[in-house]
Every structure is written in structure tokens, then in C-alpha cells.
Amino acid sequence: MGRIGAGFYPDRHWNLGDGSIHWHAVFATLAKLEGNPRLIIEIKDKSKIRASAAYLASIGVAE
């Protein structure tokens, strides 16, 4: 897999939910892969990591 950019703003490292990535599609695609795929998320503002994780939980793709 390659990088997933958010529109015309690649590598901005925004908080999850602030960009235009369709997270349901990302997780649906990961679920179809064989093996044990990894998703690495880079967030510029480290104080927003918990909020970003909470966002993924709020849309039903993480716990």
C-alpha cells in the first residue's frame, strides 16, 4: 500500500476527521487483505492523538 493523501494537501498530518479521507473505505479495504496489515497514522499535534483515536471509535471503525 502507498500513502493516502488528503486532497491537494499531502502529508499534512492532520488530526483524524479533519481531512477528506474516507476512513470506512480504508478500514474496509484493510479488512479484505490477507495476513496482518498495519495502518500507520502520523498526527502533527501529538496532543490530538487521543481525540483522533476517539474519532475512529465514534465512526465505528475502532474501539
N, C-alpha and C. Protein backbone atom coordinates (compact mmCIF):
# COMPACT_ATOMS: atom_id res chain seq x y z
N MET A 1 0.84 -1.19 0.00
CA MET A 1 0.00 0.00 0.00
C MET A 1 0.88 1.24 0.00
N GLY A 2 0.39 2.27 -0.56
CA GLY A 2 1.12 3.52 -0.55
C GLY A 2 0.53 4.49 0.45
N ARG A 3 0.91 5.71 0.32
CA ARG A 3 0.38 6.75 1.20
C ARG A 3 -1.00 7.19 0.74
N ILE A 4 -1.80 7.62 1.68
CA ILE A 4 -3.12 8.14 1.36
C ILE A 4 -3.07 9.64 1.65
N GLY A 5 -3.13 10.45 0.62
CA GLY A 5 -3.13 11.90 0.80
C GLY A 5 -4.55 12.41 1.01
N ALA A 6 -4.66 13.62 1.48
CA ALA A 6 -5.97 14.23 1.71
C ALA A 6 -6.13 15.38 0.72
N GLY A 7 -6.70 15.09 -0.42
CA GLY A 7 -6.91 16.13 -1.42
C GLY A 7 -5.59 16.66 -1.96
N PHE A 8 -5.48 17.96 -2.03
CA PHE A 8 -4.26 18.60 -2.53
C PHE A 8 -3.31 18.97 -1.40
N TYR A 9 -3.48 18.37 -0.24
CA TYR A 9 -2.65 18.68 0.93
C TYR A 9 -1.95 17.43 1.42
N PRO A 10 -1.03 16.86 0.63
CA PRO A 10 -0.37 15.62 1.06
C PRO A 10 0.53 15.84 2.27
N ASP A 11 0.58 14.83 3.10
CA ASP A 11 1.49 14.81 4.25
C ASP A 11 1.30 15.97 5.22
N ARG A 12 0.07 16.37 5.45
CA ARG A 12 -0.20 17.44 6.41
C ARG A 12 -0.26 16.93 7.83
N HIS A 13 -0.48 15.64 8.00
CA HIS A 13 -0.54 15.02 9.32
C HIS A 13 -1.64 15.63 10.19
N TRP A 14 -2.79 15.84 9.58
CA TRP A 14 -3.94 16.41 10.29
C TRP A 14 -4.49 15.42 11.31
N ASN A 15 -5.27 15.95 12.23
CA ASN A 15 -5.98 15.10 13.17
C ASN A 15 -7.00 14.28 12.38
N LEU A 16 -7.24 13.06 12.82
CA LEU A 16 -8.21 12.23 12.11
C LEU A 16 -9.58 12.87 12.19
N GLY A 17 -10.24 12.90 11.05
CA GLY A 17 -11.54 13.55 10.98
C GLY A 17 -11.47 14.95 10.41
N ASP A 18 -10.28 15.53 10.38
CA ASP A 18 -10.13 16.90 9.86
C ASP A 18 -9.89 16.93 8.35
N GLY A 19 -9.47 15.82 7.79
CA GLY A 19 -9.17 15.78 6.36
C GLY A 19 -10.33 15.21 5.56
N SER A 20 -10.01 14.72 4.38
CA SER A 20 -11.05 14.20 3.48
C SER A 20 -10.93 12.70 3.25
N ILE A 21 -10.18 12.01 4.09
CA ILE A 21 -10.03 10.57 3.94
C ILE A 21 -11.32 9.88 4.37
N HIS A 22 -11.76 8.93 3.58
CA HIS A 22 -12.97 8.15 3.87
C HIS A 22 -12.54 6.93 4.69
N TRP A 23 -12.54 7.07 6.00
CA TRP A 23 -12.00 6.05 6.89
C TRP A 23 -12.73 4.72 6.80
N HIS A 24 -14.04 4.75 6.58
CA HIS A 24 -14.77 3.48 6.43
C HIS A 24 -14.19 2.69 5.25
N ALA A 25 -13.90 3.35 4.16
CA ALA A 25 -13.33 2.68 2.98
C ALA A 25 -11.93 2.15 3.27
N VAL A 26 -11.14 2.92 4.00
CA VAL A 26 -9.79 2.48 4.35
C VAL A 26 -9.85 1.20 5.16
N PHE A 27 -10.68 1.19 6.20
CA PHE A 27 -10.76 0.03 7.07
C PHE A 27 -11.41 -1.16 6.37
N ALA A 28 -12.36 -0.91 5.47
CA ALA A 28 -12.97 -1.99 4.70
C ALA A 28 -11.93 -2.64 3.79
N THR A 29 -11.08 -1.84 3.19
CA THR A 29 -10.02 -2.36 2.34
C THR A 29 -9.00 -3.15 3.15
N LEU A 30 -8.61 -2.63 4.30
CA LEU A 30 -7.66 -3.35 5.16
C LEU A 30 -8.23 -4.69 5.60
N ALA A 31 -9.53 -4.74 5.86
CA ALA A 31 -10.16 -5.98 6.32
C ALA A 31 -10.13 -7.06 5.24
N LYS A 32 -10.04 -6.68 3.98
CA LYS A 32 -10.01 -7.65 2.88
C LYS A 32 -8.62 -8.24 2.66
N LEU A 33 -7.60 -7.63 3.21
CA LEU A 33 -6.23 -8.10 2.98
C LEU A 33 -5.93 -9.34 3.79
N GLU A 34 -5.13 -10.22 3.21
CA GLU A 34 -4.68 -11.38 3.94
C GLU A 34 -3.52 -10.98 4.83
N GLY A 35 -3.24 -11.79 5.81
CA GLY A 35 -2.13 -11.50 6.71
C GLY A 35 -2.58 -10.58 7.83
N ASN A 36 -1.67 -9.78 8.28
CA ASN A 36 -1.93 -8.89 9.40
C ASN A 36 -1.47 -7.48 9.02
N PRO A 37 -2.27 -6.77 8.21
CA PRO A 37 -1.82 -5.45 7.73
C PRO A 37 -1.70 -4.44 8.87
N ARG A 38 -0.87 -3.45 8.66
CA ARG A 38 -0.65 -2.38 9.63
C ARG A 38 -1.09 -1.06 9.02
N LEU A 39 -1.65 -0.22 9.84
CA LEU A 39 -2.01 1.13 9.43
C LEU A 39 -1.22 2.08 10.33
N ILE A 40 -0.36 2.86 9.74
CA ILE A 40 0.46 3.81 10.50
C ILE A 40 -0.14 5.20 10.28
N ILE A 41 -0.46 5.84 11.38
CA ILE A 41 -1.06 7.17 11.32
C ILE A 41 -0.08 8.17 11.93
N GLU A 42 0.18 9.23 11.22
CA GLU A 42 1.07 10.29 11.70
C GLU A 42 0.24 11.54 11.93
N ILE A 43 0.26 12.04 13.16
CA ILE A 43 -0.50 13.23 13.52
C ILE A 43 0.50 14.29 13.98
N LYS A 44 0.42 15.46 13.38
CA LYS A 44 1.39 16.52 13.68
C LYS A 44 1.33 16.97 15.14
N ASP A 45 0.11 17.22 15.65
CA ASP A 45 -0.08 17.70 17.02
C ASP A 45 -0.29 16.50 17.93
N LYS A 46 0.77 16.10 18.64
CA LYS A 46 0.70 14.90 19.47
C LYS A 46 -0.36 14.98 20.57
N SER A 47 -0.78 16.18 20.94
CA SER A 47 -1.82 16.32 21.96
C SER A 47 -3.19 15.90 21.41
N LYS A 48 -3.29 15.68 20.11
CA LYS A 48 -4.56 15.31 19.47
C LYS A 48 -4.67 13.81 19.19
N ILE A 49 -3.69 13.03 19.64
CA ILE A 49 -3.71 11.59 19.37
C ILE A 49 -4.94 10.93 19.97
N ARG A 50 -5.24 11.20 21.24
CA ARG A 50 -6.40 10.58 21.88
C ARG A 50 -7.70 11.01 21.20
N ALA A 51 -7.80 12.27 20.82
CA ALA A 51 -9.00 12.76 20.13
C ALA A 51 -9.15 12.07 18.78
N SER A 52 -8.05 11.84 18.10
CA SER A 52 -8.10 11.16 16.81
C SER A 52 -8.54 9.71 16.98
N ALA A 53 -8.03 9.04 18.02
CA ALA A 53 -8.46 7.67 18.31
C ALA A 53 -9.95 7.65 18.65
N ALA A 54 -10.40 8.64 19.41
CA ALA A 54 -11.81 8.73 19.77
C ALA A 54 -12.67 8.96 18.52
N TYR A 55 -12.15 9.70 17.56
CA TYR A 55 -12.87 9.92 16.31
C TYR A 55 -13.10 8.59 15.59
N LEU A 56 -12.04 7.78 15.49
CA LEU A 56 -12.18 6.48 14.83
C LEU A 56 -13.22 5.61 15.54
N ALA A 57 -13.22 5.66 16.87
CA ALA A 57 -14.23 4.91 17.64
C ALA A 57 -15.63 5.45 17.38
N SER A 58 -15.74 6.77 17.29
CA SER A 58 -17.07 7.39 17.10
C SER A 58 -17.71 7.06 15.75
N ILE A 59 -16.87 6.75 14.74
CA ILE A 59 -17.43 6.39 13.44
C ILE A 59 -17.51 4.86 13.28
N GLY A 60 -17.16 4.15 14.34
CA GLY A 60 -17.36 2.70 14.35
C GLY A 60 -16.30 1.84 13.71
N VAL A 61 -15.10 2.39 13.50
CA VAL A 61 -14.05 1.57 12.88
C VAL A 61 -12.96 1.15 13.85
N ALA A 62 -13.04 1.59 15.09
CA ALA A 62 -12.06 1.23 16.11
C ALA A 62 -12.74 1.19 17.47
N GLU A 63 -12.05 0.60 18.42
CA GLU A 63 -12.58 0.55 19.78
C GLU A 63 -11.76 1.44 20.68
